[in-house]
N, C-alpha and C. Protein backbone atom coordinates (compact mmCIF):
# COMPACT_ATOMS: atom_id res chain seq x y z
N MET A 1 -11.43 10.29 -5.23
CA MET A 1 -12.48 10.04 -5.79
C MET A 1 -13.12 8.41 -6.03
N ALA A 2 -11.91 7.70 -6.43
CA ALA A 2 -12.37 6.23 -6.54
C ALA A 2 -12.88 5.66 -5.38
N MET A 3 -12.27 6.07 -3.66
CA MET A 3 -12.73 5.68 -2.65
C MET A 3 -14.35 6.23 -2.19
N LYS A 4 -14.31 7.23 -2.61
CA LYS A 4 -15.68 7.89 -2.45
C LYS A 4 -16.85 7.28 -3.22
N MET A 5 -16.27 6.86 -4.50
CA MET A 5 -17.38 6.08 -5.52
C MET A 5 -17.70 4.65 -5.01
N LEU A 6 -16.60 4.09 -4.58
CA LEU A 6 -16.62 2.56 -3.95
C LEU A 6 -17.80 2.76 -3.05
N GLU A 7 -17.45 3.78 -1.81
CA GLU A 7 -18.30 4.02 -0.67
C GLU A 7 -19.91 4.06 -1.30
N ALA A 8 -20.02 4.96 -1.89
CA ALA A 8 -21.34 5.48 -2.63
C ALA A 8 -21.85 3.95 -3.34
N GLY A 9 -21.08 3.30 -3.80
CA GLY A 9 -21.59 2.07 -4.44
C GLY A 9 -22.12 1.00 -3.71
N GLY A 10 -21.51 1.10 -2.38
CA GLY A 10 -22.16 0.09 -1.29
C GLY A 10 -21.07 -0.84 -0.75
N VAL A 11 -19.59 -0.18 -1.17
CA VAL A 11 -18.53 -1.06 -0.66
C VAL A 11 -17.98 -0.17 0.60
N PRO A 12 -17.75 -1.26 1.82
CA PRO A 12 -17.50 -0.93 2.97
C PRO A 12 -16.00 -0.14 2.73
N VAL A 13 -15.67 0.62 3.39
CA VAL A 13 -14.40 1.48 3.31
C VAL A 13 -13.28 1.49 4.45
N LEU A 14 -12.17 1.16 4.57
CA LEU A 14 -11.34 1.11 5.77
C LEU A 14 -10.47 2.36 5.94
N ILE A 15 -10.97 3.31 6.66
CA ILE A 15 -10.56 4.65 7.12
C ILE A 15 -10.22 4.92 8.44
N ASP A 16 -9.79 5.78 8.68
CA ASP A 16 -9.59 6.06 10.27
C ASP A 16 -9.88 7.67 10.20
N GLY A 17 -10.10 8.33 9.47
CA GLY A 17 -10.58 9.95 9.40
C GLY A 17 -9.50 10.69 10.26
N ILE A 18 -8.30 10.26 10.28
CA ILE A 18 -7.09 11.28 11.00
C ILE A 18 -6.84 12.46 10.21
N ARG A 19 -6.53 12.06 8.91
CA ARG A 19 -6.12 13.10 7.90
C ARG A 19 -7.60 13.88 7.45
N THR A 20 -8.04 15.07 7.84
CA THR A 20 -9.35 15.71 7.48
C THR A 20 -9.20 16.48 6.28
N ALA A 21 -10.40 16.54 5.72
CA ALA A 21 -10.70 17.34 4.58
C ALA A 21 -10.02 18.56 4.58
N ASP A 22 -9.30 19.32 3.44
CA ASP A 22 -8.67 20.61 3.30
C ASP A 22 -8.90 21.27 2.06
N HIS A 23 -8.52 22.43 2.01
CA HIS A 23 -8.22 23.13 0.91
C HIS A 23 -8.02 22.28 -0.63
N SER A 24 -6.90 21.32 -0.20
CA SER A 24 -6.39 20.40 -1.42
C SER A 24 -7.00 19.16 -1.61
N ASN A 25 -8.07 18.89 -0.77
CA ASN A 25 -8.68 17.77 -0.84
C ASN A 25 -10.14 17.98 -0.18
N PRO A 26 -11.06 18.87 -0.44
CA PRO A 26 -12.17 19.16 0.18
C PRO A 26 -13.29 17.89 0.48
N LYS A 27 -12.98 16.92 -0.02
CA LYS A 27 -13.83 15.91 -0.15
C LYS A 27 -13.39 14.49 0.90
N GLY A 28 -12.05 14.84 1.23
CA GLY A 28 -11.49 14.19 2.25
C GLY A 28 -10.36 13.20 1.72
N TYR A 29 -9.39 12.53 2.35
CA TYR A 29 -8.43 11.75 2.00
C TYR A 29 -8.89 10.48 2.06
N TYR A 30 -9.60 9.71 2.77
CA TYR A 30 -10.10 8.43 2.93
C TYR A 30 -8.67 7.40 3.04
N GLU A 31 -8.42 7.88 4.29
CA GLU A 31 -6.83 7.08 4.49
C GLU A 31 -6.87 6.15 5.80
N PHE A 32 -5.99 5.23 5.71
CA PHE A 32 -5.97 4.51 7.17
C PHE A 32 -4.58 4.30 7.64
N GLU A 33 -4.04 5.08 8.52
CA GLU A 33 -2.67 5.28 8.85
C GLU A 33 -1.99 4.16 8.59
N PRO A 34 -1.97 2.77 9.47
CA PRO A 34 -1.23 1.55 9.26
C PRO A 34 -0.91 1.27 7.77
N VAL A 35 -1.74 1.60 6.84
CA VAL A 35 -1.10 1.34 5.42
C VAL A 35 0.09 2.33 5.07
N LYS A 36 0.30 3.03 5.94
CA LYS A 36 1.68 3.84 5.73
C LYS A 36 2.56 3.45 6.13
N GLU A 37 2.57 2.19 6.86
CA GLU A 37 3.55 1.80 7.61
C GLU A 37 4.24 0.44 6.59
N LEU A 38 3.32 0.28 5.47
CA LEU A 38 3.73 -1.28 4.50
C LEU A 38 5.22 -1.27 4.44
N ASP A 39 5.78 -0.28 3.93
CA ASP A 39 7.11 -0.24 3.52
C ASP A 39 8.11 -0.07 4.69
N LYS A 40 7.89 -0.07 6.13
CA LYS A 40 8.82 0.16 7.06
C LYS A 40 8.65 -1.06 8.04
N GLY A 41 7.83 -2.07 7.46
CA GLY A 41 8.00 -3.51 7.99
C GLY A 41 6.80 -3.36 9.28
N GLY A 42 6.06 -2.63 8.80
CA GLY A 42 4.71 -2.40 9.83
C GLY A 42 4.12 -3.66 10.08
N ARG A 43 3.19 -3.48 11.12
CA ARG A 43 2.46 -4.54 11.40
C ARG A 43 1.11 -4.78 10.46
N LEU A 44 1.10 -6.11 9.81
CA LEU A 44 -0.33 -6.45 9.11
C LEU A 44 -1.24 -6.71 9.79
N ALA A 45 -1.72 -6.61 11.18
CA ALA A 45 -2.78 -7.25 11.75
C ALA A 45 -3.89 -6.76 10.94
N TRP A 46 -3.87 -5.76 10.50
CA TRP A 46 -5.04 -4.86 9.83
C TRP A 46 -5.62 -5.60 8.61
N LEU A 47 -4.85 -6.39 8.00
CA LEU A 47 -5.09 -6.83 6.54
C LEU A 47 -6.67 -7.87 6.71
N PRO A 48 -6.67 -8.91 7.70
CA PRO A 48 -7.76 -9.61 8.08
C PRO A 48 -9.04 -8.70 7.78
N GLU A 49 -9.25 -7.46 8.91
CA GLU A 49 -10.09 -6.41 8.83
C GLU A 49 -10.37 -5.84 7.30
N ALA A 50 -9.45 -5.83 6.54
CA ALA A 50 -9.81 -5.26 5.16
C ALA A 50 -10.13 -5.90 4.25
N ARG A 51 -10.59 -7.43 4.59
CA ARG A 51 -11.35 -8.18 3.72
C ARG A 51 -12.61 -7.58 3.04
N GLY A 52 -12.92 -7.56 1.80
CA GLY A 52 -14.05 -7.06 1.42
C GLY A 52 -14.37 -5.83 1.40
N LYS A 53 -13.36 -4.99 1.73
CA LYS A 53 -13.44 -3.51 2.04
C LYS A 53 -12.28 -2.82 1.03
N ALA A 54 -12.73 -1.39 0.62
CA ALA A 54 -12.15 -0.85 -0.13
C ALA A 54 -10.84 -0.02 1.07
N VAL A 55 -9.74 -0.34 0.57
CA VAL A 55 -8.54 0.85 1.25
C VAL A 55 -7.64 1.10 0.21
N LYS A 56 -7.32 2.51 0.63
CA LYS A 56 -6.65 3.42 -0.02
C LYS A 56 -4.99 3.11 0.15
N ILE A 57 -4.32 2.89 -1.03
CA ILE A 57 -2.98 2.59 -0.81
C ILE A 57 -2.48 2.94 -1.96
N ILE A 58 -1.39 3.70 -2.08
CA ILE A 58 -0.47 4.70 -2.84
C ILE A 58 0.23 3.52 -3.64
N SER A 59 0.63 3.84 -4.79
CA SER A 59 1.23 2.97 -5.93
C SER A 59 2.49 2.41 -5.20
N PHE A 60 3.28 3.24 -4.35
CA PHE A 60 4.58 2.99 -4.09
C PHE A 60 4.31 1.79 -2.87
N LEU A 61 3.62 1.69 -2.31
CA LEU A 61 3.21 0.88 -1.19
C LEU A 61 2.68 -0.55 -1.65
N LEU A 62 2.07 -0.41 -2.68
CA LEU A 62 1.47 -1.84 -3.32
C LEU A 62 2.32 -2.98 -3.19
N THR A 63 3.65 -2.62 -3.62
CA THR A 63 4.49 -3.98 -3.78
C THR A 63 4.98 -4.30 -2.36
N TYR A 64 4.36 -3.78 -1.07
CA TYR A 64 4.40 -4.40 0.15
C TYR A 64 3.75 -5.33 0.78
N LEU A 65 2.61 -5.44 -0.03
CA LEU A 65 1.46 -6.37 0.16
C LEU A 65 1.97 -7.45 0.14
N PRO A 66 1.87 -8.28 1.20
CA PRO A 66 2.16 -9.93 0.89
C PRO A 66 1.27 -10.66 0.31
N GLU A 67 1.83 -11.47 -0.30
CA GLU A 67 0.97 -12.31 -1.57
C GLU A 67 0.29 -13.49 -0.76
N THR A 68 -0.11 -13.49 0.43
CA THR A 68 -1.03 -14.36 1.21
C THR A 68 -2.58 -14.00 0.94
N TYR A 69 -2.79 -13.05 0.52
CA TYR A 69 -4.32 -12.56 0.19
C TYR A 69 -4.09 -12.39 -1.52
N ASP A 70 -5.60 -12.51 -1.83
CA ASP A 70 -5.96 -11.86 -3.24
C ASP A 70 -6.45 -10.41 -3.27
N TYR A 71 -5.98 -9.78 -4.01
CA TYR A 71 -6.27 -8.10 -3.90
C TYR A 71 -7.12 -8.10 -5.02
N ARG A 72 -7.85 -7.19 -5.38
CA ARG A 72 -8.83 -6.45 -6.28
C ARG A 72 -8.00 -4.86 -6.45
N VAL A 73 -7.42 -4.54 -7.25
CA VAL A 73 -6.53 -3.07 -7.26
C VAL A 73 -7.50 -2.27 -8.40
N VAL A 74 -7.92 -1.24 -7.86
CA VAL A 74 -8.37 -0.23 -8.77
C VAL A 74 -7.37 0.96 -8.89
N PHE A 75 -6.56 1.12 -10.21
CA PHE A 75 -5.26 1.94 -10.20
C PHE A 75 -6.03 3.54 -10.98
N MET A 76 -6.03 4.35 -10.29
CA MET A 76 -6.80 5.54 -10.88
C MET A 76 -5.40 5.94 -11.18
N GLU A 77 -5.35 6.32 -12.82
CA GLU A 77 -4.11 7.14 -13.45
C GLU A 77 -4.88 8.41 -13.99
N ARG A 78 -3.64 9.03 -13.86
CA ARG A 78 -3.89 10.58 -14.09
C ARG A 78 -2.52 11.22 -14.80
N ASP A 79 -2.84 12.13 -15.65
CA ASP A 79 -1.80 12.66 -16.43
C ASP A 79 -0.76 13.18 -15.42
N LEU A 80 0.59 12.77 -15.77
CA LEU A 80 1.65 12.97 -14.78
C LEU A 80 1.72 14.56 -14.32
N ASP A 81 1.43 15.73 -15.78
CA ASP A 81 1.66 16.80 -15.54
C ASP A 81 0.60 17.38 -14.60
N GLU A 82 -0.56 16.81 -14.28
CA GLU A 82 -1.47 17.01 -13.72
C GLU A 82 -1.46 16.86 -12.30
N VAL A 83 -0.70 15.56 -12.24
CA VAL A 83 -0.37 15.13 -10.78
C VAL A 83 0.89 16.21 -10.38
N ILE A 84 1.66 16.38 -11.20
CA ILE A 84 2.70 17.58 -10.28
C ILE A 84 2.05 18.71 -10.18
N ALA A 85 1.27 19.35 -10.90
CA ALA A 85 0.64 20.45 -10.72
C ALA A 85 -0.11 20.62 -9.45
N SER A 86 -0.85 19.47 -9.44
CA SER A 86 -1.79 19.48 -8.08
C SER A 86 -0.66 19.54 -6.87
N GLN A 87 0.23 18.33 -6.92
CA GLN A 87 1.16 18.39 -5.93
C GLN A 87 1.96 19.67 -5.46
N ASP A 88 2.35 20.42 -6.56
CA ASP A 88 2.77 21.83 -6.30
C ASP A 88 2.03 22.68 -5.64
N LYS A 89 0.66 22.76 -5.91
CA LYS A 89 -0.06 23.50 -5.41
C LYS A 89 -0.41 23.53 -3.93
N MET A 90 -0.31 22.02 -3.75
CA MET A 90 -0.76 21.67 -2.32
C MET A 90 0.81 21.85 -1.16
N LEU A 91 1.85 21.56 -1.97
CA LEU A 91 2.95 22.22 -1.15
C LEU A 91 3.24 23.63 -1.00
N ILE A 92 3.00 24.45 -1.94
CA ILE A 92 2.78 25.76 -2.00
C ILE A 92 1.83 26.20 -0.70
N SER A 93 0.62 25.78 -0.85
CA SER A 93 -0.45 25.99 -0.04
C SER A 93 -0.07 25.72 1.97
N ARG A 94 0.54 24.57 1.63
CA ARG A 94 1.26 24.31 3.05
C ARG A 94 2.77 25.17 3.40
N GLY A 95 3.33 26.26 2.64
CA GLY A 95 4.35 26.58 2.78
C GLY A 95 5.53 25.55 2.99
N GLU A 96 5.48 24.49 2.11
CA GLU A 96 6.63 23.50 1.72
C GLU A 96 7.34 23.88 0.40
N GLU A 97 8.50 23.26 0.37
CA GLU A 97 9.19 23.58 -0.84
C GLU A 97 8.91 22.87 -1.62
N ARG A 98 8.94 23.08 -3.15
CA ARG A 98 8.47 22.56 -4.10
C ARG A 98 9.37 21.22 -4.41
N HIS A 99 9.05 20.20 -5.41
CA HIS A 99 10.07 19.13 -5.45
C HIS A 99 11.48 19.82 -6.02
N ALA A 100 12.71 19.27 -5.66
CA ALA A 100 13.75 19.80 -5.77
C ALA A 100 14.20 19.22 -7.35
N ASN A 101 13.97 18.35 -7.84
CA ASN A 101 14.35 18.05 -9.14
C ASN A 101 13.49 18.66 -10.16
N GLY A 102 12.54 19.42 -9.86
CA GLY A 102 11.69 20.18 -10.93
C GLY A 102 10.76 19.36 -11.70
N ALA A 103 9.88 19.80 -12.40
CA ALA A 103 8.69 18.91 -13.15
C ALA A 103 9.17 17.95 -13.55
N ASP A 104 10.27 18.22 -14.43
CA ASP A 104 10.56 17.08 -15.35
C ASP A 104 11.22 16.15 -14.94
N GLY A 105 11.97 16.22 -13.76
CA GLY A 105 12.69 15.15 -13.10
C GLY A 105 11.73 14.28 -12.36
N MET A 106 10.64 15.20 -11.88
CA MET A 106 9.49 14.53 -11.08
C MET A 106 8.82 13.56 -12.12
N LYS A 107 8.46 14.17 -13.18
CA LYS A 107 7.60 13.27 -14.13
C LYS A 107 8.47 12.08 -14.41
N GLN A 108 9.53 12.60 -14.66
CA GLN A 108 10.69 11.13 -14.89
C GLN A 108 10.40 10.05 -14.05
N ALA A 109 10.62 10.43 -12.83
CA ALA A 109 10.87 9.67 -11.49
C ALA A 109 9.17 8.96 -11.46
N TYR A 110 8.36 9.71 -11.69
CA TYR A 110 6.90 9.32 -11.47
C TYR A 110 6.77 8.01 -12.63
N ALA A 111 7.04 8.20 -13.80
CA ALA A 111 7.09 7.25 -14.80
C ALA A 111 7.82 5.81 -14.78
N THR A 112 8.84 6.31 -14.23
CA THR A 112 9.88 5.14 -14.15
C THR A 112 9.13 4.09 -13.17
N HIS A 113 8.88 4.84 -12.17
CA HIS A 113 8.25 4.16 -10.81
C HIS A 113 6.73 3.40 -11.34
N LEU A 114 5.76 3.97 -12.08
CA LEU A 114 4.75 3.67 -12.55
C LEU A 114 4.88 2.37 -13.49
N LYS A 115 6.17 2.19 -14.18
CA LYS A 115 6.46 1.09 -15.23
C LYS A 115 7.02 -0.17 -14.27
N LYS A 116 7.60 0.17 -12.89
CA LYS A 116 8.04 -0.75 -11.92
C LYS A 116 6.76 -1.38 -11.30
N VAL A 117 5.73 -0.60 -11.01
CA VAL A 117 4.32 -0.88 -10.47
C VAL A 117 3.74 -1.90 -11.49
N ASP A 118 3.52 -1.68 -12.69
CA ASP A 118 3.17 -2.31 -13.61
C ASP A 118 3.60 -3.76 -13.96
N ARG A 119 4.81 -3.62 -13.78
CA ARG A 119 5.34 -5.09 -14.00
C ARG A 119 5.32 -5.78 -12.70
N PHE A 120 5.21 -5.30 -11.44
CA PHE A 120 4.78 -6.03 -10.31
C PHE A 120 3.79 -6.58 -10.26
N LEU A 121 2.53 -5.67 -10.76
CA LEU A 121 1.06 -6.41 -10.60
C LEU A 121 0.78 -7.12 -11.73
N ALA A 122 1.50 -7.09 -12.55
CA ALA A 122 1.71 -8.12 -13.78
C ALA A 122 2.02 -9.63 -13.29
N SER A 123 3.21 -9.55 -12.69
CA SER A 123 3.99 -10.50 -12.14
C SER A 123 3.16 -11.48 -11.01
N ARG A 124 2.34 -10.91 -10.57
CA ARG A 124 1.85 -11.58 -9.15
C ARG A 124 0.42 -12.15 -9.29
N ARG A 125 0.25 -13.50 -9.19
CA ARG A 125 -1.15 -13.67 -9.59
C ARG A 125 -2.02 -13.33 -8.65
N CYS A 126 -1.81 -12.90 -7.52
CA CYS A 126 -2.63 -12.26 -6.32
C CYS A 126 -3.33 -10.83 -6.52
N PHE A 127 -2.88 -10.17 -7.59
CA PHE A 127 -3.40 -8.89 -7.82
C PHE A 127 -4.21 -9.21 -9.20
N ALA A 128 -5.58 -8.78 -9.25
CA ALA A 128 -6.54 -8.62 -10.45
C ALA A 128 -6.54 -6.70 -10.36
N THR A 129 -6.25 -6.30 -11.71
CA THR A 129 -6.11 -4.65 -11.56
C THR A 129 -7.12 -4.24 -12.68
N LEU A 130 -7.69 -3.26 -12.38
CA LEU A 130 -8.61 -2.39 -13.43
C LEU A 130 -7.82 -0.97 -13.20
N ARG A 131 -7.93 -0.54 -14.29
CA ARG A 131 -7.21 0.73 -14.60
C ARG A 131 -8.25 1.83 -15.01
N LEU A 132 -8.48 2.64 -14.11
CA LEU A 132 -9.54 4.05 -14.59
C LEU A 132 -8.66 5.18 -14.52
N GLN A 133 -8.82 5.93 -15.90
CA GLN A 133 -8.39 7.19 -16.23
C GLN A 133 -8.92 8.27 -15.57
N TYR A 134 -8.46 9.13 -14.60
CA TYR A 134 -9.10 10.33 -13.81
C TYR A 134 -9.99 10.86 -14.99
N ARG A 135 -9.49 11.41 -15.80
CA ARG A 135 -10.37 12.43 -16.86
C ARG A 135 -11.60 11.85 -17.30
N ALA A 136 -11.45 10.26 -17.64
CA ALA A 136 -12.46 9.81 -18.18
C ALA A 136 -13.57 9.45 -17.03
N VAL A 137 -13.32 9.28 -15.85
CA VAL A 137 -14.14 9.14 -14.91
C VAL A 137 -14.99 10.48 -14.53
N VAL A 138 -14.13 11.42 -14.47
CA VAL A 138 -14.92 13.00 -14.74
C VAL A 138 -15.84 13.13 -15.81
N ASP A 139 -15.12 12.55 -17.10
CA ASP A 139 -16.15 13.16 -18.24
C ASP A 139 -17.07 12.19 -18.46
N HIS A 140 -17.08 10.70 -18.12
CA HIS A 140 -17.96 10.16 -18.27
C HIS A 140 -18.28 9.02 -17.05
N PRO A 141 -18.73 9.52 -16.07
CA PRO A 141 -18.68 8.83 -15.03
C PRO A 141 -19.89 7.72 -14.63
N SER A 142 -20.52 7.86 -15.70
CA SER A 142 -21.49 6.24 -15.68
C SER A 142 -20.94 5.07 -16.32
N GLU A 143 -20.52 5.67 -17.26
CA GLU A 143 -19.53 4.44 -17.89
C GLU A 143 -18.27 3.94 -17.36
N GLU A 144 -17.71 4.67 -16.37
CA GLU A 144 -16.36 4.30 -15.65
C GLU A 144 -17.05 3.49 -14.38
N ALA A 145 -18.46 4.08 -13.87
CA ALA A 145 -18.58 3.42 -12.69
C ALA A 145 -19.19 1.83 -13.21
N ARG A 146 -19.65 1.80 -14.21
CA ARG A 146 -20.31 0.56 -14.90
C ARG A 146 -18.87 -0.51 -14.79
N ARG A 147 -17.73 0.07 -15.58
CA ARG A 147 -16.84 -0.56 -15.64
C ARG A 147 -16.36 -1.17 -14.04
N LEU A 148 -16.32 -0.30 -13.34
CA LEU A 148 -15.78 -0.80 -11.90
C LEU A 148 -16.60 -1.53 -11.29
N ASN A 149 -18.00 -1.38 -11.32
CA ASN A 149 -18.89 -2.56 -11.03
C ASN A 149 -18.58 -3.64 -11.42
N GLN A 150 -18.50 -3.76 -12.69
CA GLN A 150 -17.90 -5.27 -13.06
C GLN A 150 -17.13 -5.66 -12.59
N PHE A 151 -15.95 -5.16 -12.71
CA PHE A 151 -14.67 -5.53 -12.22
C PHE A 151 -15.14 -6.24 -10.76
N LEU A 152 -15.79 -5.50 -9.79
CA LEU A 152 -15.83 -6.06 -8.38
C LEU A 152 -17.13 -6.86 -8.25
N GLY A 153 -17.52 -7.28 -9.33
CA GLY A 153 -18.83 -8.27 -9.25
C GLY A 153 -20.24 -8.20 -9.53
N GLY A 154 -20.53 -6.95 -10.03
CA GLY A 154 -21.50 -6.48 -10.23
C GLY A 154 -22.79 -6.26 -9.59
N ARG A 155 -22.21 -6.04 -7.96
CA ARG A 155 -23.56 -5.50 -7.18
C ARG A 155 -23.33 -4.24 -6.57
N LEU A 156 -22.93 -3.34 -7.38
CA LEU A 156 -22.87 -2.03 -6.89
C LEU A 156 -23.56 -1.05 -7.52
N ASP A 157 -23.91 0.06 -6.65
CA ASP A 157 -25.08 0.96 -7.13
C ASP A 157 -24.46 2.16 -8.07
N ILE A 158 -24.59 1.54 -9.41
CA ILE A 158 -23.73 2.66 -10.34
C ILE A 158 -24.46 4.05 -10.47
N PRO A 159 -25.69 4.59 -10.57
CA PRO A 159 -25.96 5.62 -10.23
C PRO A 159 -25.39 6.43 -9.17
N ARG A 160 -25.43 6.14 -7.98
CA ARG A 160 -24.81 6.57 -6.85
C ARG A 160 -23.35 6.78 -6.93
N MET A 161 -22.32 6.01 -7.51
CA MET A 161 -21.27 5.96 -8.02
C MET A 161 -21.00 7.00 -8.81
N ALA A 162 -22.00 7.01 -9.89
CA ALA A 162 -21.44 8.24 -11.03
C ALA A 162 -21.85 9.52 -10.37
N GLN A 163 -22.50 9.65 -9.52
CA GLN A 163 -22.80 11.13 -8.87
C GLN A 163 -21.54 11.71 -8.01
N VAL A 164 -20.72 10.55 -7.78
CA VAL A 164 -19.50 11.28 -6.84
C VAL A 164 -18.78 11.99 -7.86
N ALA A 165 -18.58 11.72 -9.11
CA ALA A 165 -17.48 12.30 -9.90
C ALA A 165 -17.99 13.93 -10.02
N ASP A 166 -16.80 14.92 -9.28
CA ASP A 166 -17.10 16.32 -9.46
C ASP A 166 -16.38 17.10 -10.27
N ARG A 167 -16.70 17.49 -11.36
CA ARG A 167 -15.85 18.34 -12.29
C ARG A 167 -15.10 19.55 -11.62
N GLU A 168 -15.96 20.08 -10.41
CA GLU A 168 -15.33 21.48 -9.98
C GLU A 168 -14.21 20.69 -9.13
N LEU A 169 -13.53 19.74 -8.88
CA LEU A 169 -12.56 19.39 -8.19
C LEU A 169 -11.61 19.09 -9.09
N TYR A 170 -11.78 18.95 -10.37
CA TYR A 170 -11.01 18.69 -11.37
C TYR A 170 -10.05 20.01 -11.49
N ARG A 171 -9.28 20.43 -10.78
CA ARG A 171 -8.60 21.84 -10.77
C ARG A 171 -7.55 22.04 -11.71
N ASN A 172 -6.64 21.18 -11.65
CA ASN A 172 -5.33 20.94 -12.55
C ASN A 172 -5.41 20.14 -13.82
N ARG A 173 -6.29 20.36 -14.47
CA ARG A 173 -6.54 19.79 -15.78
C ARG A 173 -5.73 20.46 -17.13
N LYS A 174 -5.23 19.45 -17.67
CA LYS A 174 -4.67 20.03 -18.91
C LYS A 174 -5.94 20.05 -19.83
N ALA A 175 -5.47 20.66 -20.95
CA ALA A 175 -6.40 20.73 -22.16
C ALA A 175 -6.64 19.43 -22.77
N ALA A 176 -8.11 19.42 -23.12
CA ALA A 176 -8.55 18.12 -23.82
C ALA A 176 -7.54 17.72 -24.98
N PRO A 177 -7.14 16.98 -25.40
CA PRO A 177 -6.81 16.44 -26.80
C PRO A 177 -7.71 16.91 -27.41
N PRO A 178 -7.22 17.26 -29.17
CA PRO A 178 -8.33 17.48 -30.11
C PRO A 178 -8.90 16.31 -30.44
N ALA A 179 -10.21 16.43 -31.01
CA ALA A 179 -11.02 15.37 -31.14
C ALA A 179 -10.51 14.97 -32.80
C-alpha cells in the first residue's frame, strides 16, 4: 500500500513487474528483483538508478544497504498477529507448509527482528525514518498521507495518495481496541 500511495502522490517507483498481482495481493507487489540479492552480496549497480525513487525493501534487507547513500525509510508497521495470519493464508493458498515454529514462535522472532532493525536504523545517520501504522493508514488515509508528504518534502498529491487506502484489502484485521 505504501508503494502505491507514493506512486499516486507523484514519486517515481523502481519496480520490474516480474511478480504479478495475485489473490494474496490483488494490487500487485511493487518489487524490484535486484533488491532481493542485498543479503547475498548482490550487485549494487541499481542504487544510483534508485535515487529519487521509491523502492520496496523488506526490513530484513535494510541492514545490507551501504552507508554511501542517504535513505528515507517509510516503515509500514502492522500488528504482528495480522502479519502472521496474512502470511498463513498466503502459504495455504499456495499449498505450502505453514510456519514450523507456530504463530507464537513466529511472532517472537518477528518482534526480535524488528527491535534489531530499529536499533540499526537509529544508529546510522544515513537513514531518516517515518513509521506508519497500517491500520492508521486505512482508517485515516488523508492524515497519514499528509504525514508521508511532509516527510518527503511536501510536494506530493495528498488526495490521490489518500485514495489508495483500500479497506477491502484489509482482510486479516484484528478487532479494533476499545475506545
